[in-house]
């Protein structure tokens, strides 16, 4: 009889130990998942900020490229006005009163 009681007590202790270990394991999993979710949210925020910076930088680059293109056109017109030409290009000047 005592052996049966001891066996029941041992099983009860084992059940309690198992349940406590399972609860600790589940709590650890929950905390780990929560930490990972927080990290993911932080990374998404950083990614959104970087995407915004990229868009802003692309706009700046486009504006600068437009300025460079316009500047090259301006320089080309100024060179033509001064009689300069690109290689292979011929510039014709109209002489007033020659008709």
PDB file of N, CA and C in Angstrom:
ATOM      1  N   UNK A   1       0.806  -1.176   0.000  1.00  0.00           N
ATOM      2  CA  UNK A   1       0.000   0.000   0.000  1.00  0.00           C
ATOM      3  C   UNK A   1       0.861   1.255   0.000  1.00  0.00           C
ATOM      4  N   UNK A   2       1.857   1.228   0.836  1.00  0.00           N
ATOM      5  CA  UNK A   2       2.750   2.374   0.901  1.00  0.00           C
ATOM      6  C   UNK A   2       3.497   2.566  -0.418  1.00  0.00           C
ATOM      7  N   UNK A   3       3.801   1.499  -1.061  1.00  0.00           N
ATOM      8  CA  UNK A   3       4.505   1.575  -2.342  1.00  0.00           C
ATOM      9  C   UNK A   3       3.614   2.247  -3.387  1.00  0.00           C
ATOM     10  N   UNK A   4       2.321   1.940  -3.355  1.00  0.00           N
ATOM     11  CA  UNK A   4       1.398   2.567  -4.303  1.00  0.00           C
ATOM     12  C   UNK A   4       1.269   4.063  -4.035  1.00  0.00           C
ATOM     13  N   UNK A   5       1.236   4.438  -2.740  1.00  0.00           N
ATOM     14  CA  UNK A   5       1.147   5.847  -2.382  1.00  0.00           C
ATOM     15  C   UNK A   5       2.405   6.595  -2.819  1.00  0.00           C
ATOM     16  N   UNK A   6       3.548   5.966  -2.605  1.00  0.00           N
ATOM     17  CA  UNK A   6       4.810   6.597  -3.025  1.00  0.00           C
ATOM     18  C   UNK A   6       4.851   6.766  -4.543  1.00  0.00           C
ATOM     19  N   UNK A   7       4.380   5.757  -5.238  1.00  0.00           N
ATOM     20  CA  UNK A   7       4.360   5.823  -6.692  1.00  0.00           C
ATOM     21  C   UNK A   7       3.435   6.955  -7.148  1.00  0.00           C
ATOM     22  N   UNK A   8       2.262   7.093  -6.506  1.00  0.00           N
ATOM     23  CA  UNK A   8       1.350   8.175  -6.853  1.00  0.00           C
ATOM     24  C   UNK A   8       1.972   9.534  -6.537  1.00  0.00           C
ATOM     25  N   UNK A   9       2.671   9.615  -5.401  1.00  0.00           N
ATOM     26  CA  UNK A   9       3.316  10.870  -5.008  1.00  0.00           C
ATOM     27  C   UNK A   9       4.427  11.233  -5.999  1.00  0.00           C
ATOM     28  N   UNK A  10       5.188  10.221  -6.392  1.00  0.00           N
ATOM     29  CA  UNK A  10       6.261  10.457  -7.366  1.00  0.00           C
ATOM     30  C   UNK A  10       5.680  10.930  -8.700  1.00  0.00           C
ATOM     31  N   UNK A  11       4.596  10.307  -9.136  1.00  0.00           N
ATOM     32  CA  UNK A  11       3.952  10.726 -10.375  1.00  0.00           C
ATOM     33  C   UNK A  11       3.408  12.156 -10.249  1.00  0.00           C
ATOM     34  N   UNK A  12       2.824  12.448  -9.103  1.00  0.00           N
ATOM     35  CA  UNK A  12       2.289  13.789  -8.878  1.00  0.00           C
ATOM     36  C   UNK A  12       3.425  14.811  -8.916  1.00  0.00           C
ATOM     37  N   UNK A  13       4.549  14.492  -8.272  1.00  0.00           N
ATOM     38  CA  UNK A  13       5.716  15.391  -8.298  1.00  0.00           C
ATOM     39  C   UNK A  13       6.237  15.543  -9.717  1.00  0.00           C
ATOM     40  N   UNK A  14       6.300  14.429 -10.435  1.00  0.00           N
ATOM     41  CA  UNK A  14       6.768  14.479 -11.815  1.00  0.00           C
ATOM     42  C   UNK A  14       5.822  15.314 -12.678  1.00  0.00           C
ATOM     43  N   UNK A  15       4.527  15.171 -12.453  1.00  0.00           N
ATOM     44  CA  UNK A  15       3.553  15.976 -13.195  1.00  0.00           C
ATOM     45  C   UNK A  15       3.729  17.460 -12.893  1.00  0.00           C
ATOM     46  N   UNK A  16       3.907  17.775 -11.629  1.00  0.00           N
ATOM     47  CA  UNK A  16       4.100  19.180 -11.251  1.00  0.00           C
ATOM     48  C   UNK A  16       5.386  19.710 -11.864  1.00  0.00           C
ATOM     49  N   UNK A  17       6.457  18.945 -11.775  1.00  0.00           N
ATOM     50  CA  UNK A  17       7.738  19.372 -12.356  1.00  0.00           C
ATOM     51  C   UNK A  17       7.596  19.542 -13.866  1.00  0.00           C
ATOM     52  N   UNK A  18       6.917  18.606 -14.503  1.00  0.00           N
ATOM     53  CA  UNK A  18       6.697  18.704 -15.950  1.00  0.00           C
ATOM     54  C   UNK A  18       5.883  19.949 -16.297  1.00  0.00           C
ATOM     55  N   UNK A  19       4.820  20.208 -15.571  1.00  0.00           N
ATOM     56  CA  UNK A  19       3.971  21.366 -15.827  1.00  0.00           C
ATOM     57  C   UNK A  19       4.739  22.673 -15.596  1.00  0.00           C
ATOM     58  N   UNK A  20       5.538  22.722 -14.556  1.00  0.00           N
ATOM     59  CA  UNK A  20       6.329  23.924 -14.284  1.00  0.00           C
ATOM     60  C   UNK A  20       7.361  24.120 -15.400  1.00  0.00           C
ATOM     61  N   UNK A  21       8.030  23.052 -15.791  1.00  0.00           N
ATOM     62  CA  UNK A  21       9.028  23.144 -16.862  1.00  0.00           C
ATOM     63  C   UNK A  21       8.352  23.574 -18.164  1.00  0.00           C
ATOM     64  N   UNK A  22       7.188  23.025 -18.437  1.00  0.00           N
ATOM     65  CA  UNK A  22       6.453  23.389 -19.648  1.00  0.00           C
ATOM     66  C   UNK A  22       6.029  24.860 -19.601  1.00  0.00           C
ATOM     67  N   UNK A  23       5.571  25.308 -18.442  1.00  0.00           N
ATOM     68  CA  UNK A  23       5.169  26.707 -18.289  1.00  0.00           C
ATOM     69  C   UNK A  23       6.375  27.631 -18.488  1.00  0.00           C
ATOM     70  N   UNK A  24       7.508  27.276 -17.935  1.00  0.00           N
ATOM     71  CA  UNK A  24       8.724  28.074 -18.100  1.00  0.00           C
ATOM     72  C   UNK A  24       9.137  28.100 -19.569  1.00  0.00           C
ATOM     73  N   UNK A  25       9.095  26.947 -20.215  1.00  0.00           N
ATOM     74  CA  UNK A  25       9.452  26.869 -21.635  1.00  0.00           C
ATOM     75  C   UNK A  25       8.517  27.733 -22.488  1.00  0.00           C
ATOM     76  N   UNK A  26       7.223  27.644 -22.238  1.00  0.00           N
ATOM     77  CA  UNK A  26       6.262  28.439 -22.986  1.00  0.00           C
ATOM     78  C   UNK A  26       6.451  29.931 -22.727  1.00  0.00           C
ATOM     79  N   UNK A  27       6.748  30.291 -21.493  1.00  0.00           N
ATOM     80  CA  UNK A  27       7.010  31.698 -21.172  1.00  0.00           C
ATOM     81  C   UNK A  27       8.251  32.180 -21.912  1.00  0.00           C
ATOM     82  N   UNK A  28       9.276  31.341 -21.971  1.00  0.00           N
ATOM     83  CA  UNK A  28      10.512  31.701 -22.687  1.00  0.00           C
ATOM     84  C   UNK A  28      10.221  31.899 -24.178  1.00  0.00           C
ATOM     85  N   UNK A  29       9.418  31.015 -24.747  1.00  0.00           N
ATOM     86  CA  UNK A  29       9.050  31.142 -26.164  1.00  0.00           C
ATOM     87  C   UNK A  29       8.274  32.436 -26.382  1.00  0.00           C
ATOM     88  N   UNK A  30       7.323  32.727 -25.519  1.00  0.00           N
ATOM     89  CA  UNK A  30       6.524  33.941 -25.648  1.00  0.00           C
ATOM     90  C   UNK A  30       7.402  35.186 -25.572  1.00  0.00           C
ATOM     91  N   UNK A  31       8.301  35.231 -24.604  1.00  0.00           N
ATOM     92  CA  UNK A  31       9.200  36.384 -24.440  1.00  0.00           C
ATOM     93  C   UNK A  31      10.118  36.510 -25.655  1.00  0.00           C
ATOM     94  N   UNK A  32      10.628  35.399 -26.143  1.00  0.00           N
ATOM     95  CA  UNK A  32      11.497  35.429 -27.322  1.00  0.00           C
ATOM     96  C   UNK A  32      10.739  35.962 -28.533  1.00  0.00           C
ATOM     97  N   UNK A  33       9.530  35.498 -28.746  1.00  0.00           N
ATOM     98  CA  UNK A  33       8.725  35.972 -29.871  1.00  0.00           C
ATOM     99  C   UNK A  33       8.402  37.455 -29.731  1.00  0.00           C
ATOM    100  N   UNK A  34       8.129  37.895 -28.515  1.00  0.00           N
ATOM    101  CA  UNK A  34       7.851  39.301 -28.276  1.00  0.00           C
ATOM    102  C   UNK A  34       9.074  40.163 -28.595  1.00  0.00           C
ATOM    103  N   UNK A  35      10.243  39.708 -28.154  1.00  0.00           N
ATOM    104  CA  UNK A  35      11.473  40.440 -28.452  1.00  0.00           C
ATOM    105  C   UNK A  35      11.733  40.487 -29.958  1.00  0.00           C
ATOM    106  N   UNK A  36      11.533  39.385 -30.636  1.00  0.00           N
ATOM    107  CA  UNK A  36      11.725  39.352 -32.086  1.00  0.00           C
ATOM    108  C   UNK A  36      10.756  40.290 -32.795  1.00  0.00           C
ATOM    109  N   UNK A  37       9.515  40.328 -32.327  1.00  0.00           N
ATOM    110  CA  UNK A  37       8.520  41.220 -32.932  1.00  0.00           C
ATOM    111  C   UNK A  37       8.930  42.677 -32.730  1.00  0.00           C
ATOM    112  N   UNK A  38       9.433  43.011 -31.552  1.00  0.00           N
ATOM    113  CA  UNK A  38       9.912  44.377 -31.307  1.00  0.00           C
ATOM    114  C   UNK A  38      11.079  44.722 -32.225  1.00  0.00           C
ATOM    115  N   UNK A  39      11.997  43.792 -32.398  1.00  0.00           N
ATOM    116  CA  UNK A  39      13.127  44.009 -33.305  1.00  0.00           C
ATOM    117  C   UNK A  39      12.640  44.209 -34.745  1.00  0.00           C
ATOM    118  N   UNK A  40      11.688  43.399 -35.158  1.00  0.00           N
ATOM    119  CA  UNK A  40      11.143  43.521 -36.521  1.00  0.00           C
ATOM    120  C   UNK A  40      10.511  44.897 -36.702  1.00  0.00           C
ATOM    121  N   UNK A  41       9.749  45.341 -35.716  1.00  0.00           N
ATOM    122  CA  UNK A  41       9.114  46.664 -35.809  1.00  0.00           C
ATOM    123  C   UNK A  41      10.160  47.769 -35.876  1.00  0.00           C
ATOM    124  N   UNK A  42      11.216  47.648 -35.073  1.00  0.00           N
ATOM    125  CA  UNK A  42      12.289  48.651 -35.115  1.00  0.00           C
ATOM    126  C   UNK A  42      12.969  48.657 -36.477  1.00  0.00           C
ATOM    127  N   UNK A  43      13.232  47.496 -37.018  1.00  0.00           N
ATOM    128  CA  UNK A  43      13.883  47.406 -38.334  1.00  0.00           C
ATOM    129  C   UNK A  43      12.980  47.967 -39.420  1.00  0.00           C
ATOM    130  N   UNK A  44      11.672  47.742 -39.310  1.00  0.00           N
ATOM    131  CA  UNK A  44      10.738  48.301 -40.292  1.00  0.00           C
ATOM    132  C   UNK A  44      10.744  49.824 -40.233  1.00  0.00           C
ATOM    133  N   UNK A  45      10.830  50.359 -39.020  1.00  0.00           N
ATOM    134  CA  UNK A  45      10.885  51.812 -38.868  1.00  0.00           C
ATOM    135  C   UNK A  45      12.154  52.359 -39.503  1.00  0.00           C
ATOM    136  N   UNK A  46      13.268  51.710 -39.237  1.00  0.00           N
ATOM    137  CA  UNK A  46      14.546  52.139 -39.821  1.00  0.00           C
ATOM    138  C   UNK A  46      14.482  52.030 -41.341  1.00  0.00           C
ATOM    139  N   UNK A  47      13.908  50.950 -41.841  1.00  0.00           N
ATOM    140  CA  UNK A  47      13.789  50.752 -43.288  1.00  0.00           C
ATOM    141  C   UNK A  47      12.925  51.845 -43.922  1.00  0.00           C
ATOM    142  N   UNK A  48      11.833  52.208 -43.260  1.00  0.00           N
ATOM    143  CA  UNK A  48      10.971  53.265 -43.788  1.00  0.00           C
ATOM    144  C   UNK A  48      11.722  54.597 -43.826  1.00  0.00           C
ATOM    145  N   UNK A  49      12.513  54.875 -42.783  1.00  0.00           N
ATOM    146  CA  UNK A  49      13.308  56.100 -42.765  1.00  0.00           C
ATOM    147  C   UNK A  49      14.342  56.099 -43.883  1.00  0.00           C
ATOM    148  N   UNK A  50      14.980  54.959 -44.085  1.00  0.00           N
ATOM    149  CA  UNK A  50      15.976  54.855 -45.153  1.00  0.00           C
ATOM    150  C   UNK A  50      15.331  54.993 -46.533  1.00  0.00           C
ATOM    151  N   UNK A  51      14.145  54.418 -46.696  1.00  0.00           N
ATOM    152  CA  UNK A  51      13.427  54.570 -47.969  1.00  0.00           C
ATOM    153  C   UNK A  51      13.114  56.040 -48.242  1.00  0.00           C
ATOM    154  N   UNK A  52      12.709  56.754 -47.191  1.00  0.00           N
ATOM    155  CA  UNK A  52      12.432  58.183 -47.335  1.00  0.00           C
ATOM    156  C   UNK A  52      13.701  58.933 -47.716  1.00  0.00           C
ATOM    157  N   UNK A  53      14.811  58.590 -47.082  1.00  0.00           N
ATOM    158  CA  UNK A  53      16.088  59.231 -47.405  1.00  0.00           C
ATOM    159  C   UNK A  53      16.485  58.942 -48.857  1.00  0.00           C
ATOM    160  N   UNK A  54      16.242  57.717 -49.301  1.00  0.00           N
ATOM    161  CA  UNK A  54      16.576  57.355 -50.684  1.00  0.00           C
ATOM    162  C   UNK A  54      15.754  58.186 -51.662  1.00  0.00           C
ATOM    163  N   UNK A  55      14.458  58.308 -51.390  1.00  0.00           N
ATOM    164  CA  UNK A  55      13.595  59.092 -52.280  1.00  0.00           C
ATOM    165  C   UNK A  55      14.063  60.541 -52.312  1.00  0.00           C
ATOM    166  N   UNK A  56      14.370  61.097 -51.142  1.00  0.00           N
ATOM    167  CA  UNK A  56      14.847  62.481 -51.086  1.00  0.00           C
ATOM    168  C   UNK A  56      16.167  62.642 -51.834  1.00  0.00           C
ATOM    169  N   UNK A  57      17.055  61.682 -51.671  1.00  0.00           N
ATOM    170  CA  UNK A  57      18.351  61.762 -52.350  1.00  0.00           C
ATOM    171  C   UNK A  57      18.184  61.629 -53.858  1.00  0.00           C
ATOM    172  N   UNK A  58      17.260  60.774 -54.308  1.00  0.00           N
ATOM    173  CA  UNK A  58      17.004  60.636 -55.739  1.00  0.00           C
ATOM    174  C   UNK A  58      16.462  61.940 -56.321  1.00  0.00           C
ATOM    175  N   UNK A  59      15.583  62.618 -55.556  1.00  0.00           N
ATOM    176  CA  UNK A  59      15.081  63.921 -56.014  1.00  0.00           C
ATOM    177  C   UNK A  59      16.220  64.924 -56.133  1.00  0.00           C
ATOM    178  N   UNK A  60      17.075  64.941 -55.123  1.00  0.00           N
ATOM    179  CA  UNK A  60      18.225  65.848 -55.154  1.00  0.00           C
ATOM    180  C   UNK A  60      19.118  65.530 -56.339  1.00  0.00           C
ATOM    181  N   UNK A  61      19.372  64.252 -56.569  1.00  0.00           N
ATOM    182  CA  UNK A  61      20.205  63.844 -57.706  1.00  0.00           C
ATOM    183  C   UNK A  61      19.576  64.274 -59.031  1.00  0.00           C
ATOM    184  N   UNK A  62      18.256  64.091 -59.150  1.00  0.00           N
ATOM    185  CA  UNK A  62      17.567  64.498 -60.376  1.00  0.00           C
ATOM    186  C   UNK A  62      17.671  66.005 -60.598  1.00  0.00           C
ATOM    187  N   UNK A  63      17.515  66.769 -59.515  1.00  0.00           N
ATOM    188  CA  UNK A  63      17.635  68.226 -59.630  1.00  0.00           C
ATOM    189  C   UNK A  63      19.052  68.619 -60.044  1.00  0.00           C
ATOM    190  N   UNK A  64      20.031  67.987 -59.421  1.00  0.00           N
ATOM    191  CA  UNK A  64      21.423  68.293 -59.770  1.00  0.00           C
ATOM    192  C   UNK A  64      21.726  67.891 -61.208  1.00  0.00           C
ATOM    193  N   UNK A  65      21.204  66.746 -61.637  1.00  0.00           N
ATOM    194  CA  UNK A  65      21.429  66.314 -63.018  1.00  0.00           C
ATOM    195  C   UNK A  65      20.793  67.297 -63.987  1.00  0.00           C
ATOM    196  N   UNK A  66      19.605  67.770 -63.646  1.00  0.00           N
ATOM    197  CA  UNK A  66      18.943  68.766 -64.482  1.00  0.00           C
ATOM    198  C   UNK A  66      19.777  70.040 -64.560  1.00  0.00           C
ATOM    199  N   UNK A  67      20.321  70.455 -63.416  1.00  0.00           N
ATOM    200  CA  UNK A  67      21.191  71.637 -63.409  1.00  0.00           C
ATOM    201  C   UNK A  67      22.423  71.419 -64.284  1.00  0.00           C
ATOM    202  N   UNK A  68      23.012  70.234 -64.188  1.00  0.00           N
ATOM    203  CA  UNK A  68      24.202  69.927 -64.993  1.00  0.00           C
ATOM    204  C   UNK A  68      23.835  69.929 -66.473  1.00  0.00           C
ATOM    205  N   UNK A  69      22.718  69.287 -66.822  1.00  0.00           N
ATOM    206  CA  UNK A  69      22.295  69.252 -68.221  1.00  0.00           C
ATOM    207  C   UNK A  69      22.044  70.665 -68.750  1.00  0.00           C
ATOM    208  N   UNK A  70      21.355  71.466 -67.961  1.00  0.00           N
ATOM    209  CA  UNK A  70      21.083  72.846 -68.368  1.00  0.00           C
ATOM    210  C   UNK A  70      22.377  73.653 -68.450  1.00  0.00           C
ATOM    211  N   UNK A  71      23.291  73.391 -67.537  1.00  0.00           N
ATOM    212  CA  UNK A  71      24.563  74.096 -67.545  1.00  0.00           C
ATOM    213  C   UNK A  71      25.365  73.734 -68.795  1.00  0.00           C
ATOM    214  N   UNK A  72      25.333  72.459 -69.181  1.00  0.00           N
ATOM    215  CA  UNK A  72      26.057  72.049 -70.390  1.00  0.00           C
ATOM    216  C   UNK A  72      25.449  72.706 -71.622  1.00  0.00           C
ATOM    217  N   UNK A  73      24.125  72.786 -71.665  1.00  0.00           N
ATOM    218  CA  UNK A  73      23.458  73.459 -72.779  1.00  0.00           C
ATOM    219  C   UNK A  73      23.828  74.939 -72.795  1.00  0.00           C
ATOM    220  N   UNK A  74      23.836  75.563 -71.628  1.00  0.00           N
ATOM    221  CA  UNK A  74      24.207  76.972 -71.527  1.00  0.00           C
ATOM    222  C   UNK A  74      25.644  77.185 -72.005  1.00  0.00           C
ATOM    223  N   UNK A  75      26.545  76.314 -71.540  1.00  0.00           N
ATOM    224  CA  UNK A  75      27.956  76.443 -71.945  1.00  0.00           C
ATOM    225  C   UNK A  75      28.111  76.239 -73.445  1.00  0.00           C
ATOM    226  N   UNK A  76      27.349  75.302 -73.994  1.00  0.00           N
ATOM    227  CA  UNK A  76      27.419  75.050 -75.438  1.00  0.00           C
ATOM    228  C   UNK A  76      26.944  76.274 -76.221  1.00  0.00           C
ATOM    229  N   UNK A  77      25.868  76.877 -75.773  1.00  0.00           N
ATOM    230  CA  UNK A  77      25.370  78.085 -76.443  1.00  0.00           C
ATOM    231  C   UNK A  77      26.364  79.237 -76.339  1.00  0.00           C
ATOM    232  N   UNK A  78      26.977  79.366 -75.189  1.00  0.00           N
ATOM    233  CA  UNK A  78      27.973  80.422 -75.019  1.00  0.00           C
ATOM    234  C   UNK A  78      29.187  80.179 -75.920  1.00  0.00           C
ATOM    235  N   UNK A  79      29.598  78.930 -76.036  1.00  0.00           N
ATOM    236  CA  UNK A  79      30.738  78.596 -76.901  1.00  0.00           C
ATOM    237  C   UNK A  79      30.384  78.897 -78.353  1.00  0.00           C
ATOM    238  N   UNK A  80      29.182  78.564 -78.787  1.00  0.00           N
ATOM    239  CA  UNK A  80      28.754  78.869 -80.166  1.00  0.00           C
ATOM    240  C   UNK A  80      28.745  80.369 -80.412  1.00  0.00           C
ATOM    241  N   UNK A  81      28.260  81.131 -79.426  1.00  0.00           N
ATOM    242  CA  UNK A  81      28.235  82.589 -79.578  1.00  0.00           C
ATOM    243  C   UNK A  81      29.648  83.160 -79.721  1.00  0.00           C
ATOM    244  N   UNK A  82      30.628  82.476 -79.165  1.00  0.00           N
ATOM    245  CA  UNK A  82      32.011  82.954 -79.244  1.00  0.00           C
ATOM    246  C   UNK A  82      32.762  82.332 -80.427  1.00  0.00           C
ATOM    247  N   UNK A  83      32.067  81.552 -81.243  1.00  0.00           N
ATOM    248  CA  UNK A  83      32.680  81.005 -82.433  1.00  0.00           C
ATOM    249  C   UNK A  83      33.324  79.641 -82.254  1.00  0.00           C
ATOM    250  N   UNK A  84      33.120  79.006 -81.125  1.00  0.00           N
ATOM    251  CA  UNK A  84      33.677  77.669 -80.914  1.00  0.00           C
ATOM    252  C   UNK A  84      32.705  76.622 -81.411  1.00  0.00           C
ATOM    253  N   UNK A  85      33.244  75.471 -81.796  1.00  0.00           N
ATOM    254  CA  UNK A  85      32.399  74.386 -82.282  1.00  0.00           C
ATOM    255  C   UNK A  85      32.934  73.059 -81.768  1.00  0.00           C
ATOM    256  N   UNK A  86      32.047  72.088 -81.718  1.00  0.00           N
ATOM    257  CA  UNK A  86      32.468  70.729 -81.372  1.00  0.00           C
ATOM    258  C   UNK A  86      33.217  70.177 -82.575  1.00  0.00           C
ATOM    259  N   UNK A  87      34.020  69.149 -82.313  1.00  0.00           N
ATOM    260  CA  UNK A  87      34.746  68.568 -83.441  1.00  0.00           C
ATOM    261  C   UNK A  87      33.753  67.966 -84.427  1.00  0.00           C
ATOM    262  N   UNK A  88      33.962  68.254 -85.712  1.00  0.00           N
ATOM    263  CA  UNK A  88      33.077  67.763 -86.759  1.00  0.00           C
ATOM    264  C   UNK A  88      31.876  68.654 -86.985  1.00  0.00           C
ATOM    265  N   UNK A  89      31.748  69.715 -86.217  1.00  0.00           N
ATOM    266  CA  UNK A  89      30.610  70.611 -86.334  1.00  0.00           C
ATOM    267  C   UNK A  89      31.044  71.870 -87.103  1.00  0.00           C
ATOM    268  N   UNK A  90      30.198  72.369 -87.950  1.00  0.00           N
ATOM    269  CA  UNK A  90      30.490  73.578 -88.708  1.00  0.00           C
ATOM    270  C   UNK A  90      29.530  74.672 -88.271  1.00  0.00           C
ATOM    271  N   UNK A  91      30.085  75.831 -87.988  1.00  0.00           N
ATOM    272  CA  UNK A  91      29.262  76.966 -87.580  1.00  0.00           C
ATOM    273  C   UNK A  91      29.203  77.949 -88.741  1.00  0.00           C
ATOM    274  N   UNK A  92      28.002  78.332 -89.078  1.00  0.00           N
ATOM    275  CA  UNK A  92      27.795  79.319 -90.125  1.00  0.00           C
ATOM    276  C   UNK A  92      27.355  80.625 -89.465  1.00  0.00           C
ATOM    277  N   UNK A  93      28.006  81.729 -89.857  1.00  0.00           N
ATOM    278  CA  UNK A  93      27.634  83.038 -89.321  1.00  0.00           C
ATOM    279  C   UNK A  93      27.013  83.853 -90.438  1.00  0.00           C
ATOM    280  N   UNK A  94      25.943  84.511 -90.085  1.00  0.00           N
ATOM    281  CA  UNK A  94      25.271  85.374 -91.055  1.00  0.00           C
ATOM    282  C   UNK A  94      25.938  86.748 -91.004  1.00  0.00           C
ATOM    283  N   UNK A  95      26.327  87.197 -92.154  1.00  0.00           N
ATOM    284  CA  UNK A  95      26.953  88.523 -92.255  1.00  0.00           C
ATOM    285  C   UNK A  95      25.858  89.485 -92.697  1.00  0.00           C
ATOM    286  N   UNK A  96      25.577  90.491 -91.908  1.00  0.00           N
ATOM    287  CA  UNK A  96      24.504  91.416 -92.262  1.00  0.00           C
ATOM    288  C   UNK A  96      24.848  92.188 -93.536  1.00  0.00           C
ATOM    289  N   UNK A  97      23.866  92.426 -94.360  1.00  0.00           N
ATOM    290  CA  UNK A  97      24.014  93.197 -95.566  1.00  0.00           C
ATOM    291  C   UNK A  97      24.689  92.479 -96.717  1.00  0.00           C
ATOM    292  N   UNK A  98      24.857  91.195 -96.673  1.00  0.00           N
ATOM    293  CA  UNK A  98      25.529  90.478 -97.738  1.00  0.00           C
ATOM    294  C   UNK A  98      24.561  89.875 -98.720  1.00  0.00           C
ATOM    295  N   UNK A  99      23.323  90.166 -98.624  1.00  0.00           N
ATOM    296  CA  UNK A  99      22.365  89.579 -99.570  1.00  0.00           C
ATOM    297  C   UNK A  99      22.172  90.365-100.817  1.00  0.00           C
TER     298      UNK A  99
END
